[in-house]
Amino acid sequence: MVRKRRTFTSEFKADVVLQLLSGEKSMAAVCREHRLNLQMVSRWKREFLENAASIFDQKKPYSGNQDRIAELERALGRKTLELDIAKKASSILERLARKDEK
């Protein structure tokens, strides 16, 4: 019988490690509860602690796309306003033309 390898989400791994670090549960209790290997959970904990400092160092990468999106939104707003004005002017001119014909 071939045993299928389980995969775990990063949220699950973080939750398991936080349970260990908070003292909520012991390593053995977490492993029993989730049917996990002790070495695997130890590796998750080590990786978590090694990368913890980098979480605060990471800044959201600045993307020029945000400026471009804002610029396009402003342009769209101007064009929408111009279109509304043109529609109103057109309806006024049509009404005036109909009055002149009568």
PDB file of N, CA and C in Angstrom:
ATOM      1  N   MET A   1       0.843  -1.175   0.000  1.00  0.00           N
ATOM      2  CA  MET A   1       0.000   0.000   0.000  1.00  0.00           C
ATOM      3  C   MET A   1       0.890   1.240   0.000  1.00  0.00           C
ATOM      4  N   VAL A   2       0.641   2.136  -0.943  1.00  0.00           N
ATOM      5  CA  VAL A   2       1.413   3.367  -1.042  1.00  0.00           C
ATOM      6  C   VAL A   2       0.785   4.409  -0.130  1.00  0.00           C
ATOM      7  N   ARG A   3       1.607   4.993   0.692  1.00  0.00           N
ATOM      8  CA  ARG A   3       1.121   5.990   1.624  1.00  0.00           C
ATOM      9  C   ARG A   3       1.304   7.373   1.011  1.00  0.00           C
ATOM     10  N   LYS A   4       0.238   8.139   0.961  1.00  0.00           N
ATOM     11  CA  LYS A   4       0.283   9.467   0.373  1.00  0.00           C
ATOM     12  C   LYS A   4       0.915  10.452   1.357  1.00  0.00           C
ATOM     13  N   ARG A   5       1.807  11.274   0.850  1.00  0.00           N
ATOM     14  CA  ARG A   5       2.498  12.254   1.669  1.00  0.00           C
ATOM     15  C   ARG A   5       1.560  13.418   1.971  1.00  0.00           C
ATOM     16  N   ARG A   6       1.496  13.793   3.239  1.00  0.00           N
ATOM     17  CA  ARG A   6       0.646  14.903   3.635  1.00  0.00           C
ATOM     18  C   ARG A   6       1.377  16.222   3.400  1.00  0.00           C
ATOM     19  N   THR A   7       0.614  17.226   3.049  1.00  0.00           N
ATOM     20  CA  THR A   7       1.188  18.571   2.919  1.00  0.00           C
ATOM     21  C   THR A   7       0.476  19.474   3.910  1.00  0.00           C
ATOM     22  N   PHE A   8       1.214  20.450   4.414  1.00  0.00           N
ATOM     23  CA  PHE A   8       0.677  21.341   5.436  1.00  0.00           C
ATOM     24  C   PHE A   8       0.816  22.786   4.971  1.00  0.00           C
ATOM     25  N   THR A   9      -0.197  23.570   5.247  1.00  0.00           N
ATOM     26  CA  THR A   9      -0.158  24.983   4.867  1.00  0.00           C
ATOM     27  C   THR A   9       0.758  25.742   5.815  1.00  0.00           C
ATOM     28  N   SER A  10       1.203  26.886   5.379  1.00  0.00           N
ATOM     29  CA  SER A  10       2.063  27.702   6.238  1.00  0.00           C
ATOM     30  C   SER A  10       1.288  28.183   7.461  1.00  0.00           C
ATOM     31  N   GLU A  11      -0.013  28.403   7.325  1.00  0.00           N
ATOM     32  CA  GLU A  11      -0.825  28.819   8.467  1.00  0.00           C
ATOM     33  C   GLU A  11      -0.870  27.720   9.526  1.00  0.00           C
ATOM     34  N   PHE A  12      -1.006  26.479   9.074  1.00  0.00           N
ATOM     35  CA  PHE A  12      -1.036  25.353  10.003  1.00  0.00           C
ATOM     36  C   PHE A  12       0.293  25.235  10.741  1.00  0.00           C
ATOM     37  N   LYS A  13       1.390  25.334   9.975  1.00  0.00           N
ATOM     38  CA  LYS A  13       2.723  25.229  10.584  1.00  0.00           C
ATOM     39  C   LYS A  13       2.924  26.334  11.617  1.00  0.00           C
ATOM     40  N   ALA A  14       2.528  27.558  11.264  1.00  0.00           N
ATOM     41  CA  ALA A  14       2.684  28.680  12.191  1.00  0.00           C
ATOM     42  C   ALA A  14       1.850  28.453  13.446  1.00  0.00           C
ATOM     43  N   ASP A  15       0.647  27.946  13.277  1.00  0.00           N
ATOM     44  CA  ASP A  15      -0.220  27.689  14.421  1.00  0.00           C
ATOM     45  C   ASP A  15       0.408  26.654  15.348  1.00  0.00           C
ATOM     46  N   VAL A  16       0.954  25.593  14.773  1.00  0.00           N
ATOM     47  CA  VAL A  16       1.599  24.544  15.572  1.00  0.00           C
ATOM     48  C   VAL A  16       2.779  25.121  16.345  1.00  0.00           C
ATOM     49  N   VAL A  17       3.604  25.891  15.669  1.00  0.00           N
ATOM     50  CA  VAL A  17       4.791  26.462  16.321  1.00  0.00           C
ATOM     51  C   VAL A  17       4.388  27.452  17.404  1.00  0.00           C
ATOM     52  N   LEU A  18       3.370  28.253  17.143  1.00  0.00           N
ATOM     53  CA  LEU A  18       2.925  29.217  18.158  1.00  0.00           C
ATOM     54  C   LEU A  18       2.362  28.514  19.390  1.00  0.00           C
ATOM     55  N   GLN A  19       1.720  27.370  19.195  1.00  0.00           N
ATOM     56  CA  GLN A  19       1.252  26.590  20.342  1.00  0.00           C
ATOM     57  C   GLN A  19       2.437  26.150  21.193  1.00  0.00           C
ATOM     58  N   LEU A  20       3.533  25.776  20.524  1.00  0.00           N
ATOM     59  CA  LEU A  20       4.733  25.352  21.261  1.00  0.00           C
ATOM     60  C   LEU A  20       5.367  26.522  21.995  1.00  0.00           C
ATOM     61  N   LEU A  21       5.545  27.639  21.280  1.00  0.00           N
ATOM     62  CA  LEU A  21       6.243  28.785  21.856  1.00  0.00           C
ATOM     63  C   LEU A  21       5.455  29.435  22.989  1.00  0.00           C
ATOM     64  N   SER A  22       4.142  29.400  22.899  1.00  0.00           N
ATOM     65  CA  SER A  22       3.330  30.019  23.948  1.00  0.00           C
ATOM     66  C   SER A  22       3.272  29.154  25.199  1.00  0.00           C
ATOM     67  N   GLY A  23       3.688  27.910  25.071  1.00  0.00           N
ATOM     68  CA  GLY A  23       3.624  26.990  26.203  1.00  0.00           C
ATOM     69  C   GLY A  23       2.245  26.378  26.354  1.00  0.00           C
ATOM     70  N   GLU A  24       1.395  26.650  25.400  1.00  0.00           N
ATOM     71  CA  GLU A  24       0.029  26.116  25.438  1.00  0.00           C
ATOM     72  C   GLU A  24       0.049  24.593  25.467  1.00  0.00           C
ATOM     73  N   LYS A  25       0.956  24.029  24.660  1.00  0.00           N
ATOM     74  CA  LYS A  25       1.068  22.568  24.585  1.00  0.00           C
ATOM     75  C   LYS A  25       2.539  22.192  24.503  1.00  0.00           C
ATOM     76  N   SER A  26       2.836  20.988  24.927  1.00  0.00           N
ATOM     77  CA  SER A  26       4.210  20.497  24.828  1.00  0.00           C
ATOM     78  C   SER A  26       4.438  19.952  23.420  1.00  0.00           C
ATOM     79  N   MET A  27       5.695  19.732  23.091  1.00  0.00           N
ATOM     80  CA  MET A  27       6.047  19.187  21.783  1.00  0.00           C
ATOM     81  C   MET A  27       5.380  17.825  21.580  1.00  0.00           C
ATOM     82  N   ALA A  28       5.424  17.005  22.593  1.00  0.00           N
ATOM     83  CA  ALA A  28       4.833  15.669  22.487  1.00  0.00           C
ATOM     84  C   ALA A  28       3.320  15.749  22.297  1.00  0.00           C
ATOM     85  N   ALA A  29       2.682  16.672  22.998  1.00  0.00           N
ATOM     86  CA  ALA A  29       1.226  16.807  22.897  1.00  0.00           C
ATOM     87  C   ALA A  29       0.813  17.271  21.497  1.00  0.00           C
ATOM     88  N   VAL A  30       1.555  18.233  20.943  1.00  0.00           N
ATOM     89  CA  VAL A  30       1.251  18.728  19.602  1.00  0.00           C
ATOM     90  C   VAL A  30       1.434  17.612  18.579  1.00  0.00           C
ATOM     91  N   CYS A  31       2.524  16.876  18.700  1.00  0.00           N
ATOM     92  CA  CYS A  31       2.796  15.782  17.764  1.00  0.00           C
ATOM     93  C   CYS A  31       1.717  14.703  17.830  1.00  0.00           C
ATOM     94  N   ARG A  32       1.292  14.369  19.048  1.00  0.00           N
ATOM     95  CA  ARG A  32       0.231  13.363  19.188  1.00  0.00           C
ATOM     96  C   ARG A  32      -1.090  13.868  18.617  1.00  0.00           C
ATOM     97  N   GLU A  33      -1.432  15.104  18.943  1.00  0.00           N
ATOM     98  CA  GLU A  33      -2.717  15.663  18.523  1.00  0.00           C
ATOM     99  C   GLU A  33      -2.865  15.697  17.007  1.00  0.00           C
ATOM    100  N   HIS A  34      -1.800  16.105  16.320  1.00  0.00           N
ATOM    101  CA  HIS A  34      -1.872  16.262  14.864  1.00  0.00           C
ATOM    102  C   HIS A  34      -1.229  15.105  14.108  1.00  0.00           C
ATOM    103  N   ARG A  35      -0.771  14.106  14.851  1.00  0.00           N
ATOM    104  CA  ARG A  35      -0.099  12.947  14.245  1.00  0.00           C
ATOM    105  C   ARG A  35       1.073  13.403  13.376  1.00  0.00           C
ATOM    106  N   LEU A  36       1.981  14.164  14.021  1.00  0.00           N
ATOM    107  CA  LEU A  36       3.149  14.712  13.331  1.00  0.00           C
ATOM    108  C   LEU A  36       4.414  14.090  13.892  1.00  0.00           C
ATOM    109  N   ASN A  37       5.448  14.106  13.083  1.00  0.00           N
ATOM    110  CA  ASN A  37       6.749  13.594  13.476  1.00  0.00           C
ATOM    111  C   ASN A  37       7.468  14.662  14.304  1.00  0.00           C
ATOM    112  N   LEU A  38       8.116  14.228  15.375  1.00  0.00           N
ATOM    113  CA  LEU A  38       8.822  15.136  16.277  1.00  0.00           C
ATOM    114  C   LEU A  38       9.900  15.933  15.538  1.00  0.00           C
ATOM    115  N   GLN A  39      10.665  15.283  14.665  1.00  0.00           N
ATOM    116  CA  GLN A  39      11.730  15.964  13.927  1.00  0.00           C
ATOM    117  C   GLN A  39      11.158  17.034  12.990  1.00  0.00           C
ATOM    118  N   MET A  40      10.016  16.741  12.386  1.00  0.00           N
ATOM    119  CA  MET A  40       9.413  17.701  11.458  1.00  0.00           C
ATOM    120  C   MET A  40       8.948  18.949  12.211  1.00  0.00           C
ATOM    121  N   VAL A  41       8.313  18.770  13.348  1.00  0.00           N
ATOM    122  CA  VAL A  41       7.845  19.902  14.142  1.00  0.00           C
ATOM    123  C   VAL A  41       9.044  20.689  14.673  1.00  0.00           C
ATOM    124  N   SER A  42      10.097  19.995  15.054  1.00  0.00           N
ATOM    125  CA  SER A  42      11.317  20.686  15.507  1.00  0.00           C
ATOM    126  C   SER A  42      11.903  21.532  14.388  1.00  0.00           C
ATOM    127  N   ARG A  43      11.886  21.014  13.163  1.00  0.00           N
ATOM    128  CA  ARG A  43      12.392  21.771  12.013  1.00  0.00           C
ATOM    129  C   ARG A  43      11.526  23.007  11.757  1.00  0.00           C
ATOM    130  N   TRP A  44      10.202  22.841  11.848  1.00  0.00           N
ATOM    131  CA  TRP A  44       9.305  23.980  11.662  1.00  0.00           C
ATOM    132  C   TRP A  44       9.600  25.056  12.696  1.00  0.00           C
ATOM    133  N   LYS A  45       9.815  24.641  13.944  1.00  0.00           N
ATOM    134  CA  LYS A  45      10.093  25.596  15.025  1.00  0.00           C
ATOM    135  C   LYS A  45      11.417  26.309  14.769  1.00  0.00           C
ATOM    136  N   ARG A  46      12.449  25.561  14.377  1.00  0.00           N
ATOM    137  CA  ARG A  46      13.756  26.159  14.103  1.00  0.00           C
ATOM    138  C   ARG A  46      13.658  27.161  12.953  1.00  0.00           C
ATOM    139  N   GLU A  47      12.981  26.774  11.869  1.00  0.00           N
ATOM    140  CA  GLU A  47      12.827  27.673  10.720  1.00  0.00           C
ATOM    141  C   GLU A  47      12.048  28.928  11.103  1.00  0.00           C
ATOM    142  N   PHE A  48      11.024  28.749  11.921  1.00  0.00           N
ATOM    143  CA  PHE A  48      10.214  29.877  12.377  1.00  0.00           C
ATOM    144  C   PHE A  48      11.072  30.865  13.156  1.00  0.00           C
ATOM    145  N   LEU A  49      11.857  30.343  14.090  1.00  0.00           N
ATOM    146  CA  LEU A  49      12.696  31.212  14.917  1.00  0.00           C
ATOM    147  C   LEU A  49      13.813  31.866  14.101  1.00  0.00           C
ATOM    148  N   GLU A  50      14.381  31.140  13.151  1.00  0.00           N
ATOM    149  CA  GLU A  50      15.440  31.707  12.311  1.00  0.00           C
ATOM    150  C   GLU A  50      14.930  32.843  11.440  1.00  0.00           C
ATOM    151  N   ASN A  51      13.683  32.752  10.996  1.00  0.00           N
ATOM    152  CA  ASN A  51      13.134  33.751  10.079  1.00  0.00           C
ATOM    153  C   ASN A  51      12.274  34.804  10.766  1.00  0.00           C
ATOM    154  N   ALA A  52      12.139  34.716  12.076  1.00  0.00           N
ATOM    155  CA  ALA A  52      11.270  35.644  12.796  1.00  0.00           C
ATOM    156  C   ALA A  52      11.745  37.093  12.648  1.00  0.00           C
ATOM    157  N   ALA A  53      13.036  37.321  12.721  1.00  0.00           N
ATOM    158  CA  ALA A  53      13.547  38.692  12.640  1.00  0.00           C
ATOM    159  C   ALA A  53      13.305  39.307  11.268  1.00  0.00           C
ATOM    160  N   SER A  54      13.312  38.497  10.246  1.00  0.00           N
ATOM    161  CA  SER A  54      13.152  39.031   8.895  1.00  0.00           C
ATOM    162  C   SER A  54      11.733  39.531   8.636  1.00  0.00           C
ATOM    163  N   ILE A  55      10.785  39.112   9.433  1.00  0.00           N
ATOM    164  CA  ILE A  55       9.408  39.575   9.260  1.00  0.00           C
ATOM    165  C   ILE A  55       9.337  41.084   9.466  1.00  0.00           C
ATOM    166  N   PHE A  56      10.071  41.604  10.424  1.00  0.00           N
ATOM    167  CA  PHE A  56      10.022  43.029  10.714  1.00  0.00           C
ATOM    168  C   PHE A  56      10.902  43.833   9.767  1.00  0.00           C
ATOM    169  N   ASP A  57      11.851  43.172   9.128  1.00  0.00           N
ATOM    170  CA  ASP A  57      12.715  43.856   8.180  1.00  0.00           C
ATOM    171  C   ASP A  57      12.058  44.036   6.824  1.00  0.00           C
ATOM    172  N   GLN A  58      11.147  43.168   6.514  1.00  0.00           N
ATOM    173  CA  GLN A  58      10.536  43.219   5.193  1.00  0.00           C
ATOM    174  C   GLN A  58       9.596  44.410   5.096  1.00  0.00           C
ATOM    175  N   LYS A  59       9.816  45.190   4.084  1.00  0.00           N
ATOM    176  CA  LYS A  59       8.916  46.279   3.779  1.00  0.00           C
ATOM    177  C   LYS A  59       8.203  45.883   2.500  1.00  0.00           C
ATOM    178  N   LYS A  60       6.993  46.345   2.371  1.00  0.00           N
ATOM    179  CA  LYS A  60       6.278  46.031   1.149  1.00  0.00           C
ATOM    180  C   LYS A  60       7.048  46.637  -0.006  1.00  0.00           C
ATOM    181  N   PRO A  61       7.325  45.841  -0.998  1.00  0.00           N
ATOM    182  CA  PRO A  61       8.078  46.382  -2.124  1.00  0.00           C
ATOM    183  C   PRO A  61       7.278  47.485  -2.788  1.00  0.00           C
ATOM    184  N   TYR A  62       7.943  48.625  -2.973  1.00  0.00           N
ATOM    185  CA  TYR A  62       7.274  49.750  -3.612  1.00  0.00           C
ATOM    186  C   TYR A  62       7.078  49.431  -5.069  1.00  0.00           C
ATOM    187  N   SER A  63       5.912  49.634  -5.498  1.00  0.00           N
ATOM    188  CA  SER A  63       5.601  49.342  -6.885  1.00  0.00           C
ATOM    189  C   SER A  63       5.142  50.628  -7.554  1.00  0.00           C
ATOM    190  N   GLY A  64       5.758  50.957  -8.658  1.00  0.00           N
ATOM    191  CA  GLY A  64       5.340  52.117  -9.424  1.00  0.00           C
ATOM    192  C   GLY A  64       3.940  51.932  -9.962  1.00  0.00           C
ATOM    193  N   ASN A  65       3.453  50.701  -9.870  1.00  0.00           N
ATOM    194  CA  ASN A  65       2.108  50.428 -10.350  1.00  0.00           C
ATOM    195  C   ASN A  65       1.060  51.203  -9.561  1.00  0.00           C
ATOM    196  N   GLN A  66       1.305  51.424  -8.275  1.00  0.00           N
ATOM    197  CA  GLN A  66       0.340  52.162  -7.463  1.00  0.00           C
ATOM    198  C   GLN A  66       0.191  53.589  -7.978  1.00  0.00           C
ATOM    199  N   ASP A  67       1.307  54.218  -8.334  1.00  0.00           N
ATOM    200  CA  ASP A  67       1.243  55.573  -8.883  1.00  0.00           C
ATOM    201  C   ASP A  67       0.515  55.577 -10.209  1.00  0.00           C
ATOM    202  N   ARG A  68       0.792  54.590 -11.026  1.00  0.00           N
ATOM    203  CA  ARG A  68       0.155  54.500 -12.341  1.00  0.00           C
ATOM    204  C   ARG A  68      -1.351  54.280 -12.191  1.00  0.00           C
ATOM    205  N   ILE A  69      -1.742  53.435 -11.251  1.00  0.00           N
ATOM    206  CA  ILE A  69      -3.160  53.179 -11.011  1.00  0.00           C
ATOM    207  C   ILE A  69      -3.856  54.463 -10.555  1.00  0.00           C
ATOM    208  N   ALA A  70      -3.225  55.199  -9.640  1.00  0.00           N
ATOM    209  CA  ALA A  70      -3.816  56.449  -9.155  1.00  0.00           C
ATOM    210  C   ALA A  70      -3.964  57.445 -10.300  1.00  0.00           C
ATOM    211  N   GLU A  71      -2.951  57.532 -11.148  1.00  0.00           N
ATOM    212  CA  GLU A  71      -2.996  58.443 -12.295  1.00  0.00           C
ATOM    213  C   GLU A  71      -4.141  58.065 -13.240  1.00  0.00           C
ATOM    214  N   LEU A  72      -4.284  56.780 -13.512  1.00  0.00           N
ATOM    215  CA  LEU A  72      -5.352  56.322 -14.402  1.00  0.00           C
ATOM    216  C   LEU A  72      -6.732  56.541 -13.791  1.00  0.00           C
ATOM    217  N   GLU A  73      -6.843  56.365 -12.480  1.00  0.00           N
ATOM    218  CA  GLU A  73      -8.127  56.617 -11.824  1.00  0.00           C
ATOM    219  C   GLU A  73      -8.506  58.089 -11.916  1.00  0.00           C
ATOM    220  N   ARG A  74      -7.533  58.973 -11.748  1.00  0.00           N
ATOM    221  CA  ARG A  74      -7.812  60.419 -11.888  1.00  0.00           C
ATOM    222  C   ARG A  74      -8.246  60.741 -13.311  1.00  0.00           C
ATOM    223  N   ALA A  75      -7.543  60.166 -14.294  1.00  0.00           N
ATOM    224  CA  ALA A  75      -7.892  60.413 -15.695  1.00  0.00           C
ATOM    225  C   ALA A  75      -9.298  59.890 -15.996  1.00  0.00           C
ATOM    226  N   LEU A  76      -9.632  58.741 -15.468  1.00  0.00           N
ATOM    227  CA  LEU A  76     -10.966  58.180 -15.676  1.00  0.00           C
ATOM    228  C   LEU A  76     -12.026  59.088 -15.052  1.00  0.00           C
ATOM    229  N   GLY A  77     -11.741  59.598 -13.882  1.00  0.00           N
ATOM    230  CA  GLY A  77     -12.672  60.521 -13.229  1.00  0.00           C
ATOM    231  C   GLY A  77     -12.895  61.781 -14.059  1.00  0.00           C
ATOM    232  N   ARG A  78     -11.806  62.341 -14.617  1.00  0.00           N
ATOM    233  CA  ARG A  78     -11.940  63.535 -15.467  1.00  0.00           C
ATOM    234  C   ARG A  78     -12.771  63.227 -16.697  1.00  0.00           C
ATOM    235  N   LYS A  79     -12.487  62.103 -17.353  1.00  0.00           N
ATOM    236  CA  LYS A  79     -13.224  61.741 -18.574  1.00  0.00           C
ATOM    237  C   LYS A  79     -14.697  61.481 -18.272  1.00  0.00           C
ATOM    238  N   THR A  80     -14.987  60.873 -17.148  1.00  0.00           N
ATOM    239  CA  THR A  80     -16.375  60.639 -16.761  1.00  0.00           C
ATOM    240  C   THR A  80     -17.095  61.962 -16.558  1.00  0.00           C
ATOM    241  N   LEU A  81     -16.443  62.892 -15.889  1.00  0.00           N
ATOM    242  CA  LEU A  81     -17.018  64.226 -15.678  1.00  0.00           C
ATOM    243  C   LEU A  81     -17.246  64.936 -17.007  1.00  0.00           C
ATOM    244  N   GLU A  82     -16.251  64.873 -17.915  1.00  0.00           N
ATOM    245  CA  GLU A  82     -16.400  65.497 -19.227  1.00  0.00           C
ATOM    246  C   GLU A  82     -17.560  64.877 -19.999  1.00  0.00           C
ATOM    247  N   LEU A  83     -17.710  63.582 -19.920  1.00  0.00           N
ATOM    248  CA  LEU A  83     -18.798  62.895 -20.616  1.00  0.00           C
ATOM    249  C   LEU A  83     -20.153  63.315 -20.052  1.00  0.00           C
ATOM    250  N   ASP A  84     -20.260  63.422 -18.741  1.00  0.00           N
ATOM    251  CA  ASP A  84     -21.511  63.873 -18.123  1.00  0.00           C
ATOM    252  C   ASP A  84     -21.865  65.282 -18.575  1.00  0.00           C
ATOM    253  N   ILE A  85     -20.877  66.149 -18.619  1.00  0.00           N
ATOM    254  CA  ILE A  85     -21.110  67.526 -19.055  1.00  0.00           C
ATOM    255  C   ILE A  85     -21.547  67.545 -20.516  1.00  0.00           C
ATOM    256  N   ALA A  86     -20.900  66.743 -21.348  1.00  0.00           N
ATOM    257  CA  ALA A  86     -21.253  66.689 -22.768  1.00  0.00           C
ATOM    258  C   ALA A  86     -22.679  66.174 -22.954  1.00  0.00           C
ATOM    259  N   LYS A  87     -23.077  65.167 -22.173  1.00  0.00           N
ATOM    260  CA  LYS A  87     -24.438  64.643 -22.269  1.00  0.00           C
ATOM    261  C   LYS A  87     -25.458  65.706 -21.886  1.00  0.00           C
ATOM    262  N   LYS A  88     -25.197  66.436 -20.804  1.00  0.00           N
ATOM    263  CA  LYS A  88     -26.120  67.482 -20.368  1.00  0.00           C
ATOM    264  C   LYS A  88     -26.206  68.588 -21.413  1.00  0.00           C
ATOM    265  N   ALA A  89     -25.063  68.992 -21.944  1.00  0.00           N
ATOM    266  CA  ALA A  89     -25.052  70.033 -22.967  1.00  0.00           C
ATOM    267  C   ALA A  89     -25.805  69.571 -24.208  1.00  0.00           C
ATOM    268  N   SER A  90     -25.653  68.337 -24.584  1.00  0.00           N
ATOM    269  CA  SER A  90     -26.340  67.791 -25.752  1.00  0.00           C
ATOM    270  C   SER A  90     -27.850  67.798 -25.547  1.00  0.00           C
ATOM    271  N   SER A  91     -28.300  67.389 -24.365  1.00  0.00           N
ATOM    272  CA  SER A  91     -29.741  67.376 -24.114  1.00  0.00           C
ATOM    273  C   SER A  91     -30.305  68.796 -24.092  1.00  0.00           C
ATOM    274  N   ILE A  92     -29.558  69.747 -23.553  1.00  0.00           N
ATOM    275  CA  ILE A  92     -30.003  71.150 -23.549  1.00  0.00           C
ATOM    276  C   ILE A  92     -30.095  71.673 -24.978  1.00  0.00           C
ATOM    277  N   LEU A  93     -29.082  71.390 -25.794  1.00  0.00           N
ATOM    278  CA  LEU A  93     -29.086  71.849 -27.184  1.00  0.00           C
ATOM    279  C   LEU A  93     -30.228  71.219 -27.975  1.00  0.00           C
ATOM    280  N   GLU A  94     -30.529  69.952 -27.725  1.00  0.00           N
ATOM    281  CA  GLU A  94     -31.641  69.287 -28.403  1.00  0.00           C
ATOM    282  C   GLU A  94     -32.965  69.949 -28.049  1.00  0.00           C
ATOM    283  N   ARG A  95     -33.157  70.262 -26.755  1.00  0.00           N
ATOM    284  CA  ARG A  95     -34.388  70.926 -26.326  1.00  0.00           C
ATOM    285  C   ARG A  95     -34.521  72.303 -26.966  1.00  0.00           C
ATOM    286  N   LEU A  96     -33.405  73.042 -27.036  1.00  0.00           N
ATOM    287  CA  LEU A  96     -33.438  74.365 -27.667  1.00  0.00           C
ATOM    288  C   LEU A  96     -33.740  74.271 -29.150  1.00  0.00           C
ATOM    289  N   ALA A  97     -33.177  73.257 -29.813  1.00  0.00           N
ATOM    290  CA  ALA A  97     -33.424  73.075 -31.243  1.00  0.00           C
ATOM    291  C   ALA A  97     -34.886  72.737 -31.477  1.00  0.00           C
ATOM    292  N   ARG A  98     -35.507  71.927 -30.633  1.00  0.00           N
ATOM    293  CA  ARG A  98     -36.921  71.586 -30.786  1.00  0.00           C
ATOM    294  C   ARG A  98     -37.818  72.796 -30.570  1.00  0.00           C
ATOM    295  N   LYS A  99     -37.436  73.666 -29.617  1.00  0.00           N
ATOM    296  CA  LYS A  99     -38.218  74.884 -29.356  1.00  0.00           C
ATOM    297  C   LYS A  99     -38.173  75.810 -30.560  1.00  0.00           C
ATOM    298  N   ASP A 100     -36.972  75.920 -31.199  1.00  0.00           N
ATOM    299  CA  ASP A 100     -36.815  76.802 -32.350  1.00  0.00           C
ATOM    300  C   ASP A 100     -37.617  76.311 -33.529  1.00  0.00           C
ATOM    301  N   GLU A 101     -37.803  75.002 -33.665  1.00  0.00           N
ATOM    302  CA  GLU A 101     -38.550  74.436 -34.788  1.00  0.00           C
ATOM    303  C   GLU A 101     -40.032  74.714 -34.644  1.00  0.00           C
ATOM    304  N   LYS A 102     -40.509  74.900 -33.473  1.00  0.00           N
ATOM    305  CA  LYS A 102     -41.952  75.116 -33.265  1.00  0.00           C
ATOM    306  C   LYS A 102     -42.356  76.507 -33.503  1.00  0.00           C
TER     307      LYS A 102
END
